[in-house]
Amino acid sequence: GFGEACPSTDNHNCLHGKCGQFADNDYRCCSSTYLPVGYVTRYCDGLGTGNKCYFDGQCSSGWCYGGTCRAKAKVGQFCQDGTDSYCEGSLDCALYGANDYRCCYSSHS
């Protein structure tokens, strides 16, 4: 089933699914996989909040932070490195203080 450990790239051990990486070298059963550019093994994608991850593209929210899929941030919440796509809707990820990025309605450069 989903999230169960599987030998690397062996889809036969996953009932109705595929074997891919959640985090680096952590192979698990998942519903779909993709091959990141420059990589030779597949990673699970469409992962929900709280699942282990290695790339942003694995998470349904589009945000992998600290090895875990995070939900999109709301107004005033932490976001990473000024990347707007980590915030809900049309919110901007802007510098709030020294190395402190947060989602807001607008930003000034």
C-alpha atoms as a PDB file:
ATOM      1  CA  GLY A   1       0.000   0.000   0.000  1.00  0.00           C
ATOM      2  CA  PHE A   2       0.866   3.685  -0.156  1.00  0.00           C
ATOM      3  CA  GLY A   3       3.933   4.623   1.867  1.00  0.00           C
ATOM      4  CA  GLU A   4       5.122   1.055   2.435  1.00  0.00           C
ATOM      5  CA  ALA A   5       8.825   0.389   1.914  1.00  0.00           C
ATOM      6  CA  CYS A   6       9.841  -1.251  -1.368  1.00  0.00           C
ATOM      7  CA  PRO A   7      13.144  -2.290  -2.965  1.00  0.00           C
ATOM      8  CA  SER A   8      14.506   0.438  -5.249  1.00  0.00           C
ATOM      9  CA  THR A   9      12.498   0.754  -8.489  1.00  0.00           C
ATOM     10  CA  ASP A  10      10.707  -2.600  -8.056  1.00  0.00           C
ATOM     11  CA  ASN A  11       7.063  -1.818  -8.893  1.00  0.00           C
ATOM     12  CA  HIS A  12       6.015  -5.475  -8.393  1.00  0.00           C
ATOM     13  CA  ASN A  13       6.066  -5.070  -4.607  1.00  0.00           C
ATOM     14  CA  CYS A  14       3.551  -2.219  -4.738  1.00  0.00           C
ATOM     15  CA  LEU A  15      -0.080  -3.222  -5.193  1.00  0.00           C
ATOM     16  CA  HIS A  16      -1.667  -0.847  -7.769  1.00  0.00           C
ATOM     17  CA  GLY A  17       1.245   1.568  -7.574  1.00  0.00           C
ATOM     18  CA  LYS A  18       4.838   2.378  -8.262  1.00  0.00           C
ATOM     19  CA  CYS A  19       8.026   2.247  -6.226  1.00  0.00           C
ATOM     20  CA  GLY A  20       9.815   5.587  -6.010  1.00  0.00           C
ATOM     21  CA  GLN A  21      11.777   7.714  -3.595  1.00  0.00           C
ATOM     22  CA  PHE A  22      10.032   9.873  -0.998  1.00  0.00           C
ATOM     23  CA  ALA A  23      13.278  11.272   0.403  1.00  0.00           C
ATOM     24  CA  ASP A  24      16.766  10.518  -0.868  1.00  0.00           C
ATOM     25  CA  ASN A  25      17.224   6.700  -0.979  1.00  0.00           C
ATOM     26  CA  ASP A  26      13.947   6.151   0.918  1.00  0.00           C
ATOM     27  CA  TYR A  27      11.968   3.962  -1.523  1.00  0.00           C
ATOM     28  CA  ARG A  28       8.228   3.645  -0.907  1.00  0.00           C
ATOM     29  CA  CYS A  29       5.060   2.677  -2.755  1.00  0.00           C
ATOM     30  CA  CYS A  30       3.176   5.601  -4.272  1.00  0.00           C
ATOM     31  CA  SER A  31       0.509   6.236  -6.904  1.00  0.00           C
ATOM     32  CA  SER A  32       2.759   8.051  -9.393  1.00  0.00           C
ATOM     33  CA  THR A  33       6.408   8.943  -9.960  1.00  0.00           C
ATOM     34  CA  TYR A  34       8.476  11.325 -12.048  1.00  0.00           C
ATOM     35  CA  LEU A  35      12.111  11.509 -13.107  1.00  0.00           C
ATOM     36  CA  PRO A  36      13.783  14.801 -12.118  1.00  0.00           C
ATOM     37  CA  VAL A  37      16.134  16.262 -14.736  1.00  0.00           C
ATOM     38  CA  GLY A  38      19.637  14.864 -14.278  1.00  0.00           C
ATOM     39  CA  TYR A  39      18.543  11.950 -12.058  1.00  0.00           C
ATOM     40  CA  VAL A  40      18.446   8.242 -12.903  1.00  0.00           C
ATOM     41  CA  THR A  41      15.883   7.034 -10.342  1.00  0.00           C
ATOM     42  CA  ARG A  42      12.256   8.066  -9.996  1.00  0.00           C
ATOM     43  CA  TYR A  43      10.707  10.035  -7.129  1.00  0.00           C
ATOM     44  CA  CYS A  44       7.108   9.826  -5.873  1.00  0.00           C
ATOM     45  CA  ASP A  45       4.981  12.869  -6.671  1.00  0.00           C
ATOM     46  CA  GLY A  46       1.578  14.196  -5.623  1.00  0.00           C
ATOM     47  CA  LEU A  47       2.580  13.752  -1.973  1.00  0.00           C
ATOM     48  CA  GLY A  48       0.440  15.393   0.696  1.00  0.00           C
ATOM     49  CA  THR A  49       1.475  17.640   3.556  1.00  0.00           C
ATOM     50  CA  GLY A  50       3.635  15.866   6.134  1.00  0.00           C
ATOM     51  CA  ASN A  51       5.130  13.255   3.785  1.00  0.00           C
ATOM     52  CA  LYS A  52       8.902  12.981   3.388  1.00  0.00           C
ATOM     53  CA  CYS A  53      10.300  14.586   0.227  1.00  0.00           C
ATOM     54  CA  TYR A  54      13.482  15.675  -1.527  1.00  0.00           C
ATOM     55  CA  PHE A  55      12.161  18.027  -4.267  1.00  0.00           C
ATOM     56  CA  ASP A  56       9.426  20.690  -4.361  1.00  0.00           C
ATOM     57  CA  GLY A  57       7.878  18.907  -7.357  1.00  0.00           C
ATOM     58  CA  GLN A  58       7.060  15.846  -5.259  1.00  0.00           C
ATOM     59  CA  CYS A  59       4.603  17.738  -3.053  1.00  0.00           C
ATOM     60  CA  SER A  60       1.044  18.513  -4.120  1.00  0.00           C
ATOM     61  CA  SER A  61       1.590  21.960  -2.546  1.00  0.00           C
ATOM     62  CA  GLY A  62       4.824  22.444  -4.535  1.00  0.00           C
ATOM     63  CA  TRP A  63       6.856  22.999  -1.343  1.00  0.00           C
ATOM     64  CA  CYS A  64       9.351  20.570   0.190  1.00  0.00           C
ATOM     65  CA  TYR A  65      11.099  22.160   3.169  1.00  0.00           C
ATOM     66  CA  GLY A  66      13.387  20.391   5.620  1.00  0.00           C
ATOM     67  CA  GLY A  67      12.610  17.046   3.973  1.00  0.00           C
ATOM     68  CA  THR A  68       8.834  17.332   4.509  1.00  0.00           C
ATOM     69  CA  CYS A  69       5.976  18.467   2.252  1.00  0.00           C
ATOM     70  CA  ARG A  70       4.501  21.682   3.675  1.00  0.00           C
ATOM     71  CA  ALA A  71       1.138  23.295   3.071  1.00  0.00           C
ATOM     72  CA  LYS A  72       1.164  26.638   1.267  1.00  0.00           C
ATOM     73  CA  ALA A  73       1.743  29.457   3.755  1.00  0.00           C
ATOM     74  CA  LYS A  74      -0.954  31.957   4.751  1.00  0.00           C
ATOM     75  CA  VAL A  75      -0.565  35.702   5.384  1.00  0.00           C
ATOM     76  CA  GLY A  76       2.173  36.355   7.971  1.00  0.00           C
ATOM     77  CA  GLN A  77       3.506  32.786   7.875  1.00  0.00           C
ATOM     78  CA  PHE A  78       7.054  31.737   6.986  1.00  0.00           C
ATOM     79  CA  CYS A  79       7.947  31.222   3.338  1.00  0.00           C
ATOM     80  CA  GLN A  80      11.304  30.337   1.841  1.00  0.00           C
ATOM     81  CA  ASP A  81      13.800  32.619   0.054  1.00  0.00           C
ATOM     82  CA  GLY A  82      11.245  34.969  -1.505  1.00  0.00           C
ATOM     83  CA  THR A  83       9.559  32.221  -3.544  1.00  0.00           C
ATOM     84  CA  ASP A  84       5.958  33.360  -4.126  1.00  0.00           C
ATOM     85  CA  SER A  85       4.737  29.864  -5.087  1.00  0.00           C
ATOM     86  CA  TYR A  86       5.174  28.767  -1.440  1.00  0.00           C
ATOM     87  CA  CYS A  87       2.365  31.150  -0.446  1.00  0.00           C
ATOM     88  CA  GLU A  88      -1.401  30.659  -0.877  1.00  0.00           C
ATOM     89  CA  GLY A  89      -3.109  32.203  -3.902  1.00  0.00           C
ATOM     90  CA  SER A  90      -1.645  35.495  -5.088  1.00  0.00           C
ATOM     91  CA  LEU A  91       0.284  36.241  -1.884  1.00  0.00           C
ATOM     92  CA  ASP A  92       3.915  37.350  -2.189  1.00  0.00           C
ATOM     93  CA  CYS A  93       6.831  35.889  -0.245  1.00  0.00           C
ATOM     94  CA  ALA A  94       8.738  38.975   0.870  1.00  0.00           C
ATOM     95  CA  LEU A  95      11.526  39.887   3.262  1.00  0.00           C
ATOM     96  CA  TYR A  96       9.929  40.768   6.617  1.00  0.00           C
ATOM     97  CA  GLY A  97      13.120  41.181   8.625  1.00  0.00           C
ATOM     98  CA  ALA A  98      16.729  39.986   8.555  1.00  0.00           C
ATOM     99  CA  ASN A  99      16.571  36.602   6.742  1.00  0.00           C
ATOM    100  CA  ASP A 100      12.881  36.363   7.710  1.00  0.00           C
ATOM    101  CA  TYR A 101      10.568  35.786   4.730  1.00  0.00           C
ATOM    102  CA  ARG A 102       6.799  35.833   5.183  1.00  0.00           C
ATOM    103  CA  CYS A 103       3.727  35.748   2.965  1.00  0.00           C
ATOM    104  CA  CYS A 104       1.974  39.084   2.459  1.00  0.00           C
ATOM    105  CA  TYR A 105      -0.536  40.801   0.160  1.00  0.00           C
ATOM    106  CA  SER A 106       2.082  42.941  -1.596  1.00  0.00           C
ATOM    107  CA  SER A 107       5.803  43.613  -1.544  1.00  0.00           C
ATOM    108  CA  HIS A 108       7.985  46.583  -2.434  1.00  0.00           C
ATOM    109  CA  SER A 109      11.393  46.207  -4.010  1.00  0.00           C
END
